[in-house]
Amino acid sequence: MKRIGLIILIFGIGSLAMNNALKDNGEYELIIPKGFPQPNIPEDNQLTEARVELGRRLFFDPIMSRDTSVSCATCHRPEFAFTDGLPVSMGIRGEFVTRNSPTLTNVAYQDSGLLLDGGVPTLEMQILVPVQEHSEFDFELRLIANRMKNDTTYVRLSQEAYDQAPSPFVITRSISAFERTLISGNSRYDQYINGDKKALTKEEQKGMDLFFNQLHCAECHGGFNFTNLTVQNNGLYTYPYPLDSGKMRVSKDEADRDLFKVPTLRNIAVTAPYMHDGSIATLEDVVDHYDKGGMKHQHKNELIKPLNLTGKQKKQLVAFLKSLTDEEFIDPKKYQ
């Protein structure tokens, strides 16, 4: 198999910068927004045209589920920044899972652990989770591969991408390859910090000042991707949380009880409802939660205390959070 490496280009913010390109020679050109680092790409799954296209097709194809009723895109819809708009996601046979669907915004940078508890180390491994979960796809990778073998396009792309027929290896690598192209960094906030001082309104700028300089928001939601990738407790419920123990579910360590991964705030305005169980409906309600300091919990982050914000400050903060939406990223036509 001819191995073709990933080409990384650093560009400024703009429409050109956010349009990942497919090159004639088979290389996939991943355009990195200004201020973003290069993502870590596994050596055995460097991005190529065929790998990304194969993964895109599988991502939107319901052949991934036992009864062909749901696909990856059922719970990860582009217009919702690859979430689904539900409190908790619905899988095969109309069955609901126990957690809110996490955004795939900039998932290529989540190399400290995936899922809401940070329990899965790589995208390639994460693909296994929904496939085998009985309330999601309730299926097997080898059976998906068998279905692919009956489709000439899948057979051709599998050979071009990985020099083999459809297989579990091909499925997990290609979908993760596509997901690594889901890079978002062209919000009005990005345009503002990269020189366009008219990109944010006065209200949004005041909210930005609150976020970065007056409150402790950036302690957890800082950096280019607005997350420090740690697991934390934010006082959503008192001890212990109902139904879901967070990271403790995978670590079996009581010190991890009710700790959940800090999500990115990019595109946060379109990923409602919020929290691991979708229990908070709006951004305004999220701000109210933190303003009150959350509920008492022995593992709650010590920075979460009452903020005593005024009504005007709350509106400014919400306005800033809404400026983090990347309209091009959430356009479904981009992924057709």
C-alpha atoms as a PDB file:
ATOM      1  CA  MET A   1       0.000   0.000   0.000  1.00  0.00           C
ATOM      2  CA  LYS A   2       1.254   3.456  -0.848  1.00  0.00           C
ATOM      3  CA  ARG A   3       1.407   5.491   2.355  1.00  0.00           C
ATOM      4  CA  ILE A   4       0.603   9.139   1.858  1.00  0.00           C
ATOM      5  CA  GLY A   5       1.206  11.496   4.728  1.00  0.00           C
ATOM      6  CA  LEU A   6      -0.964  14.261   6.065  1.00  0.00           C
ATOM      7  CA  ILE A   7      -0.140  17.723   4.794  1.00  0.00           C
ATOM      8  CA  ILE A   8      -0.644  20.382   7.460  1.00  0.00           C
ATOM      9  CA  LEU A   9      -0.963  23.988   6.360  1.00  0.00           C
ATOM     10  CA  ILE A  10      -1.217  26.927   8.688  1.00  0.00           C
ATOM     11  CA  PHE A  11      -3.499  29.653   7.364  1.00  0.00           C
ATOM     12  CA  GLY A  12      -5.266  32.655   8.765  1.00  0.00           C
ATOM     13  CA  ILE A  13      -8.975  32.597   9.520  1.00  0.00           C
ATOM     14  CA  GLY A  14     -11.234  32.832   6.500  1.00  0.00           C
ATOM     15  CA  SER A  15     -13.352  30.722   4.197  1.00  0.00           C
ATOM     16  CA  LEU A  16     -10.288  29.309   2.432  1.00  0.00           C
ATOM     17  CA  ALA A  17      -8.739  28.298   5.729  1.00  0.00           C
ATOM     18  CA  MET A  18     -11.729  26.230   6.753  1.00  0.00           C
ATOM     19  CA  ASN A  19     -12.237  24.323   3.497  1.00  0.00           C
ATOM     20  CA  ASN A  20     -10.261  21.113   3.819  1.00  0.00           C
ATOM     21  CA  ALA A  21      -9.211  20.114   0.334  1.00  0.00           C
ATOM     22  CA  LEU A  22      -8.960  16.836  -1.515  1.00  0.00           C
ATOM     23  CA  LYS A  23      -5.894  16.835  -3.755  1.00  0.00           C
ATOM     24  CA  ASP A  24      -5.550  15.069  -7.092  1.00  0.00           C
ATOM     25  CA  ASN A  25      -2.602  12.974  -5.935  1.00  0.00           C
ATOM     26  CA  GLY A  26      -4.561  11.378  -3.098  1.00  0.00           C
ATOM     27  CA  GLU A  27      -3.248  13.488  -0.247  1.00  0.00           C
ATOM     28  CA  TYR A  28      -5.784  15.046   2.096  1.00  0.00           C
ATOM     29  CA  GLU A  29      -4.996  18.652   2.891  1.00  0.00           C
ATOM     30  CA  LEU A  30      -6.148  19.447   6.408  1.00  0.00           C
ATOM     31  CA  ILE A  31      -6.289  23.201   6.894  1.00  0.00           C
ATOM     32  CA  ILE A  32      -5.493  24.291  10.441  1.00  0.00           C
ATOM     33  CA  PRO A  33      -6.982  27.585  11.716  1.00  0.00           C
ATOM     34  CA  LYS A  34      -4.634  30.263  12.961  1.00  0.00           C
ATOM     35  CA  GLY A  35      -3.707  29.656  16.585  1.00  0.00           C
ATOM     36  CA  PHE A  36      -4.509  25.931  16.484  1.00  0.00           C
ATOM     37  CA  PRO A  37      -1.783  23.296  16.928  1.00  0.00           C
ATOM     38  CA  GLN A  38      -1.312  20.353  14.609  1.00  0.00           C
ATOM     39  CA  PRO A  39      -3.506  17.424  15.697  1.00  0.00           C
ATOM     40  CA  ASN A  40      -1.898  14.109  16.519  1.00  0.00           C
ATOM     41  CA  ILE A  41      -2.630  11.670  13.701  1.00  0.00           C
ATOM     42  CA  PRO A  42      -1.759   7.976  14.239  1.00  0.00           C
ATOM     43  CA  GLU A  43       1.078   6.798  12.038  1.00  0.00           C
ATOM     44  CA  ASP A  44      -1.023   3.918  10.694  1.00  0.00           C
ATOM     45  CA  ASN A  45      -3.956   6.183   9.827  1.00  0.00           C
ATOM     46  CA  GLN A  46      -2.539   9.259   8.130  1.00  0.00           C
ATOM     47  CA  LEU A  47      -5.228  11.117   6.192  1.00  0.00           C
ATOM     48  CA  THR A  48      -5.804  10.474   2.496  1.00  0.00           C
ATOM     49  CA  GLU A  49      -8.630  11.280   0.135  1.00  0.00           C
ATOM     50  CA  ALA A  50      -9.902   7.705   0.041  1.00  0.00           C
ATOM     51  CA  ARG A  51      -9.776   7.236   3.821  1.00  0.00           C
ATOM     52  CA  VAL A  52     -11.693  10.422   4.554  1.00  0.00           C
ATOM     53  CA  GLU A  53     -14.297   9.780   1.853  1.00  0.00           C
ATOM     54  CA  LEU A  54     -14.820   6.193   3.013  1.00  0.00           C
ATOM     55  CA  GLY A  55     -15.229   7.362   6.602  1.00  0.00           C
ATOM     56  CA  ARG A  56     -17.659  10.092   5.583  1.00  0.00           C
ATOM     57  CA  ARG A  57     -19.861   7.615   3.736  1.00  0.00           C
ATOM     58  CA  LEU A  58     -19.902   5.204   6.668  1.00  0.00           C
ATOM     59  CA  PHE A  59     -20.583   8.011   9.166  1.00  0.00           C
ATOM     60  CA  PHE A  60     -23.849   8.909   7.419  1.00  0.00           C
ATOM     61  CA  ASP A  61     -24.821   5.351   6.427  1.00  0.00           C
ATOM     62  CA  PRO A  62     -27.351   3.371   8.546  1.00  0.00           C
ATOM     63  CA  ILE A  63     -25.737   0.091   7.504  1.00  0.00           C
ATOM     64  CA  MET A  64     -23.776   0.614  10.723  1.00  0.00           C
ATOM     65  CA  SER A  65     -26.768  -0.517  12.815  1.00  0.00           C
ATOM     66  CA  ARG A  66     -28.379  -3.939  13.054  1.00  0.00           C
ATOM     67  CA  ASP A  67     -31.732  -2.931  11.549  1.00  0.00           C
ATOM     68  CA  THR A  68     -30.268  -0.123   9.364  1.00  0.00           C
ATOM     69  CA  SER A  69     -32.343   2.470  11.218  1.00  0.00           C
ATOM     70  CA  VAL A  70     -29.596   4.680  12.671  1.00  0.00           C
ATOM     71  CA  SER A  71     -26.128   5.892  11.721  1.00  0.00           C
ATOM     72  CA  CYS A  72     -23.367   7.845  13.439  1.00  0.00           C
ATOM     73  CA  ALA A  73     -25.045  10.989  12.101  1.00  0.00           C
ATOM     74  CA  THR A  74     -28.281  10.133  13.919  1.00  0.00           C
ATOM     75  CA  CYS A  75     -26.685  11.275  17.178  1.00  0.00           C
ATOM     76  CA  HIS A  76     -24.096  13.571  15.590  1.00  0.00           C
ATOM     77  CA  ARG A  77     -25.871  15.936  13.188  1.00  0.00           C
ATOM     78  CA  PRO A  78     -23.804  18.678  11.503  1.00  0.00           C
ATOM     79  CA  GLU A  79     -26.388  21.421  12.106  1.00  0.00           C
ATOM     80  CA  PHE A  80     -26.109  20.800  15.851  1.00  0.00           C
ATOM     81  CA  ALA A  81     -22.278  20.778  15.723  1.00  0.00           C
ATOM     82  CA  PHE A  82     -22.472  16.988  15.572  1.00  0.00           C
ATOM     83  CA  THR A  83     -24.800  16.535  18.531  1.00  0.00           C
ATOM     84  CA  ASP A  84     -28.505  15.637  18.216  1.00  0.00           C
ATOM     85  CA  GLY A  85     -30.564  18.213  20.126  1.00  0.00           C
ATOM     86  CA  LEU A  86     -31.914  15.624  22.561  1.00  0.00           C
ATOM     87  CA  PRO A  87     -31.393  15.385  26.340  1.00  0.00           C
ATOM     88  CA  VAL A  88     -30.047  11.849  25.843  1.00  0.00           C
ATOM     89  CA  SER A  89     -29.506  10.133  22.507  1.00  0.00           C
ATOM     90  CA  MET A  90     -31.837   7.608  20.910  1.00  0.00           C
ATOM     91  CA  GLY A  91     -30.474   4.533  19.186  1.00  0.00           C
ATOM     92  CA  ILE A  92     -31.854   1.388  17.603  1.00  0.00           C
ATOM     93  CA  ARG A  93     -35.501   0.379  18.235  1.00  0.00           C
ATOM     94  CA  GLY A  94     -36.156   3.813  19.727  1.00  0.00           C
ATOM     95  CA  GLU A  95     -34.120   2.959  22.815  1.00  0.00           C
ATOM     96  CA  PHE A  96     -32.504   5.809  24.739  1.00  0.00           C
ATOM     97  CA  VAL A  97     -28.997   5.827  26.132  1.00  0.00           C
ATOM     98  CA  THR A  98     -28.162   7.467  29.468  1.00  0.00           C
ATOM     99  CA  ARG A  99     -26.021  10.366  28.264  1.00  0.00           C
ATOM    100  CA  ASN A 100     -26.217  13.512  26.183  1.00  0.00           C
ATOM    101  CA  SER A 101     -24.523  13.271  22.789  1.00  0.00           C
ATOM    102  CA  PRO A 102     -21.105  15.024  22.908  1.00  0.00           C
ATOM    103  CA  THR A 103     -20.102  17.354  20.110  1.00  0.00           C
ATOM    104  CA  LEU A 104     -17.497  16.173  17.624  1.00  0.00           C
ATOM    105  CA  THR A 105     -16.207  19.735  17.221  1.00  0.00           C
ATOM    106  CA  ASN A 106     -12.397  19.487  17.038  1.00  0.00           C
ATOM    107  CA  VAL A 107     -12.500  15.886  18.245  1.00  0.00           C
ATOM    108  CA  ALA A 108      -9.068  15.358  16.666  1.00  0.00           C
ATOM    109  CA  TYR A 109      -7.620  17.270  19.621  1.00  0.00           C
ATOM    110  CA  GLN A 110      -9.232  15.140  22.335  1.00  0.00           C
ATOM    111  CA  ASP A 111      -6.252  12.888  22.789  1.00  0.00           C
ATOM    112  CA  SER A 112      -6.573  12.663  26.566  1.00  0.00           C
ATOM    113  CA  GLY A 113      -9.624  10.400  26.441  1.00  0.00           C
ATOM    114  CA  LEU A 114     -12.982  10.317  24.679  1.00  0.00           C
ATOM    115  CA  LEU A 115     -16.600   9.997  25.804  1.00  0.00           C
ATOM    116  CA  LEU A 116     -18.058  12.069  28.634  1.00  0.00           C
ATOM    117  CA  ASP A 117     -15.956  10.204  31.190  1.00  0.00           C
ATOM    118  CA  GLY A 118     -12.703  10.325  29.198  1.00  0.00           C
ATOM    119  CA  GLY A 119     -12.561   6.540  29.306  1.00  0.00           C
ATOM    120  CA  VAL A 120     -11.628   5.740  25.681  1.00  0.00           C
ATOM    121  CA  PRO A 121      -8.101   6.708  24.575  1.00  0.00           C
ATOM    122  CA  THR A 122      -8.432   6.931  20.765  1.00  0.00           C
ATOM    123  CA  LEU A 123     -10.978   7.653  18.070  1.00  0.00           C
ATOM    124  CA  GLU A 124     -10.267   4.281  16.492  1.00  0.00           C
ATOM    125  CA  MET A 125     -11.291   2.556  19.728  1.00  0.00           C
ATOM    126  CA  GLN A 126     -14.267   4.834  20.273  1.00  0.00           C
ATOM    127  CA  ILE A 127     -15.922   3.578  17.076  1.00  0.00           C
ATOM    128  CA  LEU A 128     -16.384   0.226  18.824  1.00  0.00           C
ATOM    129  CA  VAL A 129     -18.576   1.696  21.559  1.00  0.00           C
ATOM    130  CA  PRO A 130     -21.768   2.615  19.660  1.00  0.00           C
ATOM    131  CA  VAL A 131     -21.481  -0.423  17.391  1.00  0.00           C
ATOM    132  CA  GLN A 132     -21.627  -2.945  20.224  1.00  0.00           C
ATOM    133  CA  GLU A 133     -23.886  -1.058  22.636  1.00  0.00           C
ATOM    134  CA  HIS A 134     -27.326  -2.731  22.617  1.00  0.00           C
ATOM    135  CA  SER A 135     -29.181   0.592  22.829  1.00  0.00           C
ATOM    136  CA  GLU A 136     -27.156   2.209  20.044  1.00  0.00           C
ATOM    137  CA  PHE A 137     -26.247   0.108  16.959  1.00  0.00           C
ATOM    138  CA  ASP A 138     -26.475  -3.338  18.592  1.00  0.00           C
ATOM    139  CA  PHE A 139     -24.264  -4.817  15.891  1.00  0.00           C
ATOM    140  CA  GLU A 140     -20.828  -6.207  15.044  1.00  0.00           C
ATOM    141  CA  LEU A 141     -18.028  -4.742  12.945  1.00  0.00           C
ATOM    142  CA  ARG A 142     -17.523  -7.964  10.972  1.00  0.00           C
ATOM    143  CA  LEU A 143     -21.201  -7.934   9.951  1.00  0.00           C
ATOM    144  CA  ILE A 144     -20.947  -4.298   8.856  1.00  0.00           C
ATOM    145  CA  ALA A 145     -17.928  -5.297   6.769  1.00  0.00           C
ATOM    146  CA  ASN A 146     -19.970  -8.069   5.152  1.00  0.00           C
ATOM    147  CA  ARG A 147     -22.604  -5.528   4.138  1.00  0.00           C
ATOM    148  CA  MET A 148     -19.914  -3.281   2.686  1.00  0.00           C
ATOM    149  CA  LYS A 149     -18.618  -6.121   0.523  1.00  0.00           C
ATOM    150  CA  ASN A 150     -21.924  -6.060  -1.352  1.00  0.00           C
ATOM    151  CA  ASP A 151     -21.376  -2.422  -2.344  1.00  0.00           C
ATOM    152  CA  THR A 152     -18.866  -1.800  -5.138  1.00  0.00           C
ATOM    153  CA  THR A 153     -18.130   1.743  -3.935  1.00  0.00           C
ATOM    154  CA  TYR A 154     -17.224   0.523  -0.468  1.00  0.00           C
ATOM    155  CA  VAL A 155     -15.067  -2.242  -1.895  1.00  0.00           C
ATOM    156  CA  ARG A 156     -13.220   0.198  -4.157  1.00  0.00           C
ATOM    157  CA  LEU A 157     -12.672   2.790  -1.428  1.00  0.00           C
ATOM    158  CA  SER A 158     -11.497   0.146   1.047  1.00  0.00           C
ATOM    159  CA  GLN A 159      -8.852  -1.036  -1.409  1.00  0.00           C
ATOM    160  CA  GLU A 160      -7.767   2.515  -2.212  1.00  0.00           C
ATOM    161  CA  ALA A 161      -7.682   3.548   1.435  1.00  0.00           C
ATOM    162  CA  TYR A 162      -6.158   0.544   3.198  1.00  0.00           C
ATOM    163  CA  ASP A 163      -5.208  -1.936   0.471  1.00  0.00           C
ATOM    164  CA  GLN A 164      -7.692  -4.511   1.724  1.00  0.00           C
ATOM    165  CA  ALA A 165     -11.324  -5.550   1.497  1.00  0.00           C
ATOM    166  CA  PRO A 166     -13.853  -4.068   3.965  1.00  0.00           C
ATOM    167  CA  SER A 167     -12.965  -5.181   7.489  1.00  0.00           C
ATOM    168  CA  PRO A 168     -13.238  -4.038  11.117  1.00  0.00           C
ATOM    169  CA  PHE A 169      -9.832  -2.368  10.673  1.00  0.00           C
ATOM    170  CA  VAL A 170     -11.081  -0.427   7.652  1.00  0.00           C
ATOM    171  CA  ILE A 171     -14.269   0.651   9.432  1.00  0.00           C
ATOM    172  CA  THR A 172     -12.667   1.968  12.611  1.00  0.00           C
ATOM    173  CA  ARG A 173      -9.774   3.685  10.819  1.00  0.00           C
ATOM    174  CA  SER A 174     -11.806   5.359   8.097  1.00  0.00           C
ATOM    175  CA  ILE A 175     -14.518   6.781  10.362  1.00  0.00           C
ATOM    176  CA  SER A 176     -11.903   8.169  12.729  1.00  0.00           C
ATOM    177  CA  ALA A 177     -10.066   9.644   9.720  1.00  0.00           C
ATOM    178  CA  PHE A 178     -13.214  11.506   8.689  1.00  0.00           C
ATOM    179  CA  GLU A 179     -13.862  12.677  12.239  1.00  0.00           C
ATOM    180  CA  ARG A 180     -10.364  14.162  12.441  1.00  0.00           C
ATOM    181  CA  THR A 181     -11.327  16.537   9.629  1.00  0.00           C
ATOM    182  CA  LEU A 182     -14.105  18.083  11.752  1.00  0.00           C
ATOM    183  CA  ILE A 183     -12.101  21.151  12.686  1.00  0.00           C
ATOM    184  CA  SER A 184     -13.907  24.337  13.691  1.00  0.00           C
ATOM    185  CA  GLY A 185     -12.126  27.657  14.152  1.00  0.00           C
ATOM    186  CA  ASN A 186     -13.947  30.334  12.147  1.00  0.00           C
ATOM    187  CA  SER A 187     -16.441  31.782  14.603  1.00  0.00           C
ATOM    188  CA  ARG A 188     -16.916  35.527  14.961  1.00  0.00           C
ATOM    189  CA  TYR A 189     -14.786  35.260  18.107  1.00  0.00           C
ATOM    190  CA  ASP A 190     -11.946  33.826  15.999  1.00  0.00           C
ATOM    191  CA  GLN A 191     -12.364  36.567  13.433  1.00  0.00           C
ATOM    192  CA  TYR A 192     -12.199  39.151  16.231  1.00  0.00           C
ATOM    193  CA  ILE A 193      -9.002  37.866  17.842  1.00  0.00           C
ATOM    194  CA  ASN A 194      -7.420  37.592  14.400  1.00  0.00           C
ATOM    195  CA  GLY A 195      -7.868  41.246  13.594  1.00  0.00           C
ATOM    196  CA  ASP A 196     -11.483  41.973  12.652  1.00  0.00           C
ATOM    197  CA  LYS A 197     -12.495  44.231  15.543  1.00  0.00           C
ATOM    198  CA  LYS A 198     -15.976  44.657  14.102  1.00  0.00           C
ATOM    199  CA  ALA A 199     -16.707  40.920  14.353  1.00  0.00           C
ATOM    200  CA  LEU A 200     -18.027  41.187  17.944  1.00  0.00           C
ATOM    201  CA  THR A 201     -20.606  43.585  19.292  1.00  0.00           C
ATOM    202  CA  LYS A 202     -19.917  45.709  22.379  1.00  0.00           C
ATOM    203  CA  GLU A 203     -22.108  43.371  24.419  1.00  0.00           C
ATOM    204  CA  GLU A 204     -20.174  40.317  23.214  1.00  0.00           C
ATOM    205  CA  GLN A 205     -16.862  42.019  23.984  1.00  0.00           C
ATOM    206  CA  LYS A 206     -18.010  42.739  27.522  1.00  0.00           C
ATOM    207  CA  GLY A 207     -19.044  39.122  27.864  1.00  0.00           C
ATOM    208  CA  MET A 208     -15.617  38.070  26.620  1.00  0.00           C
ATOM    209  CA  ASP A 209     -13.984  40.235  29.283  1.00  0.00           C
ATOM    210  CA  LEU A 210     -16.148  38.604  31.940  1.00  0.00           C
ATOM    211  CA  PHE A 211     -15.284  35.152  30.636  1.00  0.00           C
ATOM    212  CA  PHE A 212     -11.509  35.602  30.451  1.00  0.00           C
ATOM    213  CA  ASN A 213     -10.673  38.296  32.993  1.00  0.00           C
ATOM    214  CA  GLN A 214     -13.300  38.637  35.719  1.00  0.00           C
ATOM    215  CA  LEU A 215     -14.623  35.120  36.248  1.00  0.00           C
ATOM    216  CA  HIS A 216     -12.936  31.715  36.389  1.00  0.00           C
ATOM    217  CA  CYS A 217     -14.524  30.332  33.205  1.00  0.00           C
ATOM    218  CA  ALA A 218     -11.224  30.006  31.343  1.00  0.00           C
ATOM    219  CA  GLU A 219      -9.675  27.915  34.126  1.00  0.00           C
ATOM    220  CA  CYS A 220     -11.534  24.926  32.671  1.00  0.00           C
ATOM    221  CA  HIS A 221     -12.708  26.348  29.342  1.00  0.00           C
ATOM    222  CA  GLY A 222      -9.478  27.946  28.161  1.00  0.00           C
ATOM    223  CA  GLY A 223      -7.087  27.502  25.283  1.00  0.00           C
ATOM    224  CA  PHE A 224      -7.784  27.407  21.553  1.00  0.00           C
ATOM    225  CA  ASN A 225     -10.529  24.801  22.027  1.00  0.00           C
ATOM    226  CA  PHE A 226     -12.132  26.188  25.196  1.00  0.00           C
ATOM    227  CA  THR A 227     -11.446  23.066  27.264  1.00  0.00           C
ATOM    228  CA  ASN A 228      -8.619  21.789  29.433  1.00  0.00           C
ATOM    229  CA  LEU A 229      -9.733  18.191  28.715  1.00  0.00           C
ATOM    230  CA  THR A 230      -9.863  17.300  32.413  1.00  0.00           C
ATOM    231  CA  VAL A 231     -12.710  15.597  34.263  1.00  0.00           C
ATOM    232  CA  GLN A 232     -14.489  17.747  36.849  1.00  0.00           C
ATOM    233  CA  ASN A 233     -17.579  17.958  39.024  1.00  0.00           C
ATOM    234  CA  ASN A 234     -19.627  21.116  38.583  1.00  0.00           C
ATOM    235  CA  GLY A 235     -22.227  20.624  41.295  1.00  0.00           C
ATOM    236  CA  LEU A 236     -25.043  19.660  38.953  1.00  0.00           C
ATOM    237  CA  TYR A 237     -26.492  17.398  41.670  1.00  0.00           C
ATOM    238  CA  THR A 238     -25.710  16.577  45.267  1.00  0.00           C
ATOM    239  CA  TYR A 239     -23.629  13.503  46.113  1.00  0.00           C
ATOM    240  CA  PRO A 240     -24.077  10.941  44.658  1.00  0.00           C
ATOM    241  CA  TYR A 241     -25.362  11.740  41.156  1.00  0.00           C
ATOM    242  CA  PRO A 242     -28.423   9.768  40.051  1.00  0.00           C
ATOM    243  CA  LEU A 243     -27.994   7.104  37.347  1.00  0.00           C
ATOM    244  CA  ASP A 244     -24.447   7.972  36.231  1.00  0.00           C
ATOM    245  CA  SER A 245     -21.262   8.013  38.323  1.00  0.00           C
ATOM    246  CA  GLY A 246     -19.116   9.601  35.609  1.00  0.00           C
ATOM    247  CA  LYS A 247     -15.482   8.568  35.349  1.00  0.00           C
ATOM    248  CA  MET A 248     -15.905   6.168  38.277  1.00  0.00           C
ATOM    249  CA  ARG A 249     -17.966   3.995  35.959  1.00  0.00           C
ATOM    250  CA  VAL A 250     -14.780   3.062  34.116  1.00  0.00           C
ATOM    251  CA  SER A 251     -12.087   3.622  36.754  1.00  0.00           C
ATOM    252  CA  LYS A 252     -13.939   2.030  39.717  1.00  0.00           C
ATOM    253  CA  ASP A 253     -12.211   4.662  41.863  1.00  0.00           C
ATOM    254  CA  GLU A 254     -14.418   6.482  44.371  1.00  0.00           C
ATOM    255  CA  ALA A 255     -12.290   9.613  43.886  1.00  0.00           C
ATOM    256  CA  ASP A 256     -13.648   9.758  40.314  1.00  0.00           C
ATOM    257  CA  ARG A 257     -17.309   9.611  41.317  1.00  0.00           C
ATOM    258  CA  ASP A 258     -19.468  12.112  39.424  1.00  0.00           C
ATOM    259  CA  LEU A 259     -16.571  13.556  37.442  1.00  0.00           C
ATOM    260  CA  PHE A 260     -17.256  14.316  33.776  1.00  0.00           C
ATOM    261  CA  LYS A 261     -15.089  15.585  30.959  1.00  0.00           C
ATOM    262  CA  VAL A 262     -14.956  19.355  30.460  1.00  0.00           C
ATOM    263  CA  PRO A 263     -16.506  19.941  27.004  1.00  0.00           C
ATOM    264  CA  THR A 264     -15.375  22.440  24.418  1.00  0.00           C
ATOM    265  CA  LEU A 265     -17.499  25.584  24.296  1.00  0.00           C
ATOM    266  CA  ARG A 266     -17.049  25.999  20.562  1.00  0.00           C
ATOM    267  CA  ASN A 267     -20.462  25.979  18.844  1.00  0.00           C
ATOM    268  CA  ILE A 268     -22.057  25.757  22.305  1.00  0.00           C
ATOM    269  CA  ALA A 269     -25.105  27.759  21.209  1.00  0.00           C
ATOM    270  CA  VAL A 270     -26.264  24.953  18.893  1.00  0.00           C
ATOM    271  CA  THR A 271     -25.557  21.963  21.169  1.00  0.00           C
ATOM    272  CA  ALA A 272     -28.430  22.315  23.649  1.00  0.00           C
ATOM    273  CA  PRO A 273     -29.559  20.774  25.936  1.00  0.00           C
ATOM    274  CA  TYR A 274     -26.543  20.763  28.222  1.00  0.00           C
ATOM    275  CA  MET A 275     -24.708  18.677  30.837  1.00  0.00           C
ATOM    276  CA  HIS A 276     -23.986  14.942  30.694  1.00  0.00           C
ATOM    277  CA  ASP A 277     -27.677  14.118  31.019  1.00  0.00           C
ATOM    278  CA  GLY A 278     -29.136  16.995  29.011  1.00  0.00           C
ATOM    279  CA  SER A 279     -30.850  18.328  32.121  1.00  0.00           C
ATOM    280  CA  ILE A 280     -30.245  22.035  31.467  1.00  0.00           C
ATOM    281  CA  ALA A 281     -32.211  23.381  28.520  1.00  0.00           C
ATOM    282  CA  THR A 282     -30.630  26.722  27.591  1.00  0.00           C
ATOM    283  CA  LEU A 283     -27.406  28.690  27.809  1.00  0.00           C
ATOM    284  CA  GLU A 284     -29.209  31.150  30.062  1.00  0.00           C
ATOM    285  CA  ASP A 285     -29.996  28.293  32.442  1.00  0.00           C
ATOM    286  CA  VAL A 286     -26.360  27.144  32.330  1.00  0.00           C
ATOM    287  CA  VAL A 287     -25.175  30.610  33.341  1.00  0.00           C
ATOM    288  CA  ASP A 288     -27.751  30.644  36.157  1.00  0.00           C
ATOM    289  CA  HIS A 289     -26.409  27.297  37.410  1.00  0.00           C
ATOM    290  CA  TYR A 290     -22.874  28.615  37.689  1.00  0.00           C
ATOM    291  CA  ASP A 291     -24.020  31.953  39.042  1.00  0.00           C
ATOM    292  CA  LYS A 292     -25.632  30.101  41.957  1.00  0.00           C
ATOM    293  CA  GLY A 293     -22.451  28.098  42.554  1.00  0.00           C
ATOM    294  CA  GLY A 294     -23.936  24.672  41.904  1.00  0.00           C
ATOM    295  CA  MET A 295     -25.106  22.175  44.493  1.00  0.00           C
ATOM    296  CA  LYS A 296     -23.054  20.868  47.388  1.00  0.00           C
ATOM    297  CA  HIS A 297     -20.838  17.939  46.399  1.00  0.00           C
ATOM    298  CA  GLN A 298     -17.644  16.645  47.964  1.00  0.00           C
ATOM    299  CA  HIS A 299     -15.932  16.442  44.563  1.00  0.00           C
ATOM    300  CA  LYS A 300     -17.111  19.784  43.179  1.00  0.00           C
ATOM    301  CA  ASN A 301     -14.377  21.953  41.670  1.00  0.00           C
ATOM    302  CA  GLU A 302     -13.402  24.553  44.270  1.00  0.00           C
ATOM    303  CA  LEU A 303     -13.641  27.366  41.717  1.00  0.00           C
ATOM    304  CA  ILE A 304     -17.389  26.862  41.366  1.00  0.00           C
ATOM    305  CA  LYS A 305     -18.865  29.359  43.810  1.00  0.00           C
ATOM    306  CA  PRO A 306     -21.692  31.905  43.641  1.00  0.00           C
ATOM    307  CA  LEU A 307     -20.814  34.660  41.147  1.00  0.00           C
ATOM    308  CA  ASN A 308     -23.477  37.228  42.006  1.00  0.00           C
ATOM    309  CA  LEU A 309     -23.818  38.347  38.404  1.00  0.00           C
ATOM    310  CA  THR A 310     -26.266  41.067  37.444  1.00  0.00           C
ATOM    311  CA  GLY A 311     -28.914  40.400  34.826  1.00  0.00           C
ATOM    312  CA  LYS A 312     -26.950  42.549  32.378  1.00  0.00           C
ATOM    313  CA  GLN A 313     -23.752  40.593  32.974  1.00  0.00           C
ATOM    314  CA  LYS A 314     -25.552  37.310  32.390  1.00  0.00           C
ATOM    315  CA  LYS A 315     -26.801  38.570  29.029  1.00  0.00           C
ATOM    316  CA  GLN A 316     -23.292  39.704  28.098  1.00  0.00           C
ATOM    317  CA  LEU A 317     -21.841  36.316  28.975  1.00  0.00           C
ATOM    318  CA  VAL A 318     -24.467  34.453  26.956  1.00  0.00           C
ATOM    319  CA  ALA A 319     -23.933  36.816  24.027  1.00  0.00           C
ATOM    320  CA  PHE A 320     -20.211  36.008  24.053  1.00  0.00           C
ATOM    321  CA  LEU A 321     -20.871  32.265  24.182  1.00  0.00           C
ATOM    322  CA  LYS A 322     -23.105  32.585  21.129  1.00  0.00           C
ATOM    323  CA  SER A 323     -20.255  34.287  19.249  1.00  0.00           C
ATOM    324  CA  LEU A 324     -18.344  30.972  19.391  1.00  0.00           C
ATOM    325  CA  THR A 325     -20.575  29.478  16.682  1.00  0.00           C
ATOM    326  CA  ASP A 326     -18.807  28.621  13.419  1.00  0.00           C
ATOM    327  CA  GLU A 327     -21.574  28.935  10.823  1.00  0.00           C
ATOM    328  CA  GLU A 328     -19.581  27.239   8.091  1.00  0.00           C
ATOM    329  CA  PHE A 329     -18.760  24.249  10.290  1.00  0.00           C
ATOM    330  CA  ILE A 330     -22.423  23.555  11.092  1.00  0.00           C
ATOM    331  CA  ASP A 331     -23.654  23.791   7.488  1.00  0.00           C
ATOM    332  CA  PRO A 332     -24.876  20.281   6.529  1.00  0.00           C
ATOM    333  CA  LYS A 333     -24.141  20.945   2.844  1.00  0.00           C
ATOM    334  CA  LYS A 334     -20.422  20.910   3.660  1.00  0.00           C
ATOM    335  CA  TYR A 335     -20.594  17.188   4.394  1.00  0.00           C
ATOM    336  CA  GLN A 336     -22.739  15.994   1.512  1.00  0.00           C
END
